[in-house]
Amino acid sequence: GLWNGQTGQLLAQIAPSNTPTEIGFESDPNHVLITPIPGGPVYQWNTRIDDAIAYACRMAGRDFTEEEWATEFGDRPYQETCPHE
């Protein structure tokens, strides 16, 4: 998991597998390298929130509905998340 160091809020997570995995930061603290042991593909995880939002918007192809927003964020006022093109 990736937590906000000031608030302790969980920002992102990946599901663990049964394969031993090594995870480490690059020289850029906004990128994490993930690789199974022994060997295998190396994945680079960009931890910037703006990049995560952009990726989620591309995958969903749309913004939250107001009902989805309320389910995920409770009483927080609705706001558009995905840019319109």
C-alpha atoms as a PDB file:
ATOM      1  CA  GLY A   1       0.000   0.000   0.000  1.00  0.00           C
ATOM      2  CA  LEU A   2       0.937   3.635  -0.465  1.00  0.00           C
ATOM      3  CA  TRP A   3       0.002   5.975   2.369  1.00  0.00           C
ATOM      4  CA  ASN A   4       0.080   9.735   2.779  1.00  0.00           C
ATOM      5  CA  GLY A   5       2.959  10.264   5.211  1.00  0.00           C
ATOM      6  CA  GLN A   6       1.238  13.221   6.900  1.00  0.00           C
ATOM      7  CA  THR A   7      -2.331  11.934   7.266  1.00  0.00           C
ATOM      8  CA  GLY A   8      -1.871   8.154   7.139  1.00  0.00           C
ATOM      9  CA  GLN A   9      -4.545   7.961   4.409  1.00  0.00           C
ATOM     10  CA  LEU A  10      -4.221   4.966   2.059  1.00  0.00           C
ATOM     11  CA  LEU A  11      -3.660   6.450  -1.415  1.00  0.00           C
ATOM     12  CA  ALA A  12      -3.178   3.349  -3.559  1.00  0.00           C
ATOM     13  CA  GLN A  13      -2.537  -0.355  -3.276  1.00  0.00           C
ATOM     14  CA  ILE A  14      -1.690  -3.410  -5.303  1.00  0.00           C
ATOM     15  CA  ALA A  15      -2.915  -6.924  -4.674  1.00  0.00           C
ATOM     16  CA  PRO A  16      -0.165  -9.227  -3.436  1.00  0.00           C
ATOM     17  CA  SER A  17       0.541 -12.459  -5.240  1.00  0.00           C
ATOM     18  CA  ASN A  18       2.054 -15.708  -4.044  1.00  0.00           C
ATOM     19  CA  THR A  19       5.251 -14.795  -5.907  1.00  0.00           C
ATOM     20  CA  PRO A  20       7.986 -13.215  -3.774  1.00  0.00           C
ATOM     21  CA  THR A  21       8.340  -9.634  -4.957  1.00  0.00           C
ATOM     22  CA  GLU A  22      10.901  -6.895  -4.511  1.00  0.00           C
ATOM     23  CA  ILE A  23       9.779  -3.272  -4.418  1.00  0.00           C
ATOM     24  CA  GLY A  24      11.971  -0.170  -4.281  1.00  0.00           C
ATOM     25  CA  PHE A  25      12.042   3.519  -5.106  1.00  0.00           C
ATOM     26  CA  GLU A  26      13.989   4.953  -8.015  1.00  0.00           C
ATOM     27  CA  SER A  27      16.029   8.129  -7.654  1.00  0.00           C
ATOM     28  CA  ASP A  28      12.736   9.923  -8.429  1.00  0.00           C
ATOM     29  CA  PRO A  29      10.628   9.380  -5.293  1.00  0.00           C
ATOM     30  CA  ASN A  30       7.442   9.439  -7.392  1.00  0.00           C
ATOM     31  CA  HIS A  31       8.255   6.125  -9.060  1.00  0.00           C
ATOM     32  CA  VAL A  32       8.326   2.672  -7.527  1.00  0.00           C
ATOM     33  CA  LEU A  33       9.904  -0.357  -9.223  1.00  0.00           C
ATOM     34  CA  ILE A  34       8.223  -3.724  -8.681  1.00  0.00           C
ATOM     35  CA  THR A  35       9.649  -7.063  -9.834  1.00  0.00           C
ATOM     36  CA  PRO A  36       8.989 -10.716  -9.001  1.00  0.00           C
ATOM     37  CA  ILE A  37      11.883 -12.715  -7.555  1.00  0.00           C
ATOM     38  CA  PRO A  38      13.749 -14.430  -9.182  1.00  0.00           C
ATOM     39  CA  GLY A  39      13.693 -12.330 -12.345  1.00  0.00           C
ATOM     40  CA  GLY A  40      10.737 -11.456 -14.473  1.00  0.00           C
ATOM     41  CA  PRO A  41       9.269  -8.235 -15.800  1.00  0.00           C
ATOM     42  CA  VAL A  42       9.970  -4.993 -13.954  1.00  0.00           C
ATOM     43  CA  TYR A  43       6.977  -2.715 -13.451  1.00  0.00           C
ATOM     44  CA  GLN A  44       7.260   0.988 -12.808  1.00  0.00           C
ATOM     45  CA  TRP A  45       4.465   2.487 -10.680  1.00  0.00           C
ATOM     46  CA  ASN A  46       4.071   6.258 -10.880  1.00  0.00           C
ATOM     47  CA  THR A  47       2.718   7.418  -7.510  1.00  0.00           C
ATOM     48  CA  ARG A  48       1.687  10.951  -8.538  1.00  0.00           C
ATOM     49  CA  ILE A  49      -2.027  11.415  -7.811  1.00  0.00           C
ATOM     50  CA  ASP A  50      -2.654  13.376 -11.027  1.00  0.00           C
ATOM     51  CA  ASP A  51      -1.273  10.493 -13.087  1.00  0.00           C
ATOM     52  CA  ALA A  52      -3.412   7.988 -11.166  1.00  0.00           C
ATOM     53  CA  ILE A  53      -6.537  10.066 -11.800  1.00  0.00           C
ATOM     54  CA  ALA A  54      -5.709  10.441 -15.500  1.00  0.00           C
ATOM     55  CA  TYR A  55      -5.194   6.666 -15.787  1.00  0.00           C
ATOM     56  CA  ALA A  56      -8.488   5.925 -14.017  1.00  0.00           C
ATOM     57  CA  CYS A  57     -10.322   8.355 -16.289  1.00  0.00           C
ATOM     58  CA  ARG A  58      -8.838   6.715 -19.401  1.00  0.00           C
ATOM     59  CA  MET A  59      -9.838   3.258 -18.151  1.00  0.00           C
ATOM     60  CA  ALA A  60     -13.373   4.291 -17.172  1.00  0.00           C
ATOM     61  CA  GLY A  61     -13.878   6.500 -20.218  1.00  0.00           C
ATOM     62  CA  ARG A  62     -16.047   8.855 -18.155  1.00  0.00           C
ATOM     63  CA  ASP A  63     -16.401  10.743 -14.896  1.00  0.00           C
ATOM     64  CA  PHE A  64     -18.127   9.587 -11.702  1.00  0.00           C
ATOM     65  CA  THR A  65     -21.887   9.909 -11.641  1.00  0.00           C
ATOM     66  CA  GLU A  66     -23.184  11.850  -8.634  1.00  0.00           C
ATOM     67  CA  GLU A  67     -24.471   8.560  -7.161  1.00  0.00           C
ATOM     68  CA  GLU A  68     -21.064   6.857  -7.564  1.00  0.00           C
ATOM     69  CA  TRP A  69     -19.388   9.903  -6.017  1.00  0.00           C
ATOM     70  CA  ALA A  70     -21.697   9.764  -2.976  1.00  0.00           C
ATOM     71  CA  THR A  71     -21.014   6.026  -2.556  1.00  0.00           C
ATOM     72  CA  GLU A  72     -17.234   6.514  -2.604  1.00  0.00           C
ATOM     73  CA  PHE A  73     -16.885   9.913  -0.924  1.00  0.00           C
ATOM     74  CA  GLY A  74     -19.939  10.237   1.283  1.00  0.00           C
ATOM     75  CA  ASP A  75     -20.856  13.839   2.072  1.00  0.00           C
ATOM     76  CA  ARG A  76     -17.927  15.373   0.240  1.00  0.00           C
ATOM     77  CA  PRO A  77     -19.363  17.777  -2.378  1.00  0.00           C
ATOM     78  CA  TYR A  78     -19.459  16.360  -5.908  1.00  0.00           C
ATOM     79  CA  GLN A  79     -16.775  17.568  -8.282  1.00  0.00           C
ATOM     80  CA  GLU A  80     -15.850  16.598 -11.800  1.00  0.00           C
ATOM     81  CA  THR A  81     -12.687  14.541 -11.815  1.00  0.00           C
ATOM     82  CA  CYS A  82     -12.054  13.618 -15.437  1.00  0.00           C
ATOM     83  CA  PRO A  83     -11.278  16.371 -17.938  1.00  0.00           C
ATOM     84  CA  HIS A  84     -13.661  16.703 -20.857  1.00  0.00           C
ATOM     85  CA  GLU A  85     -12.111  16.453 -24.279  1.00  0.00           C
END
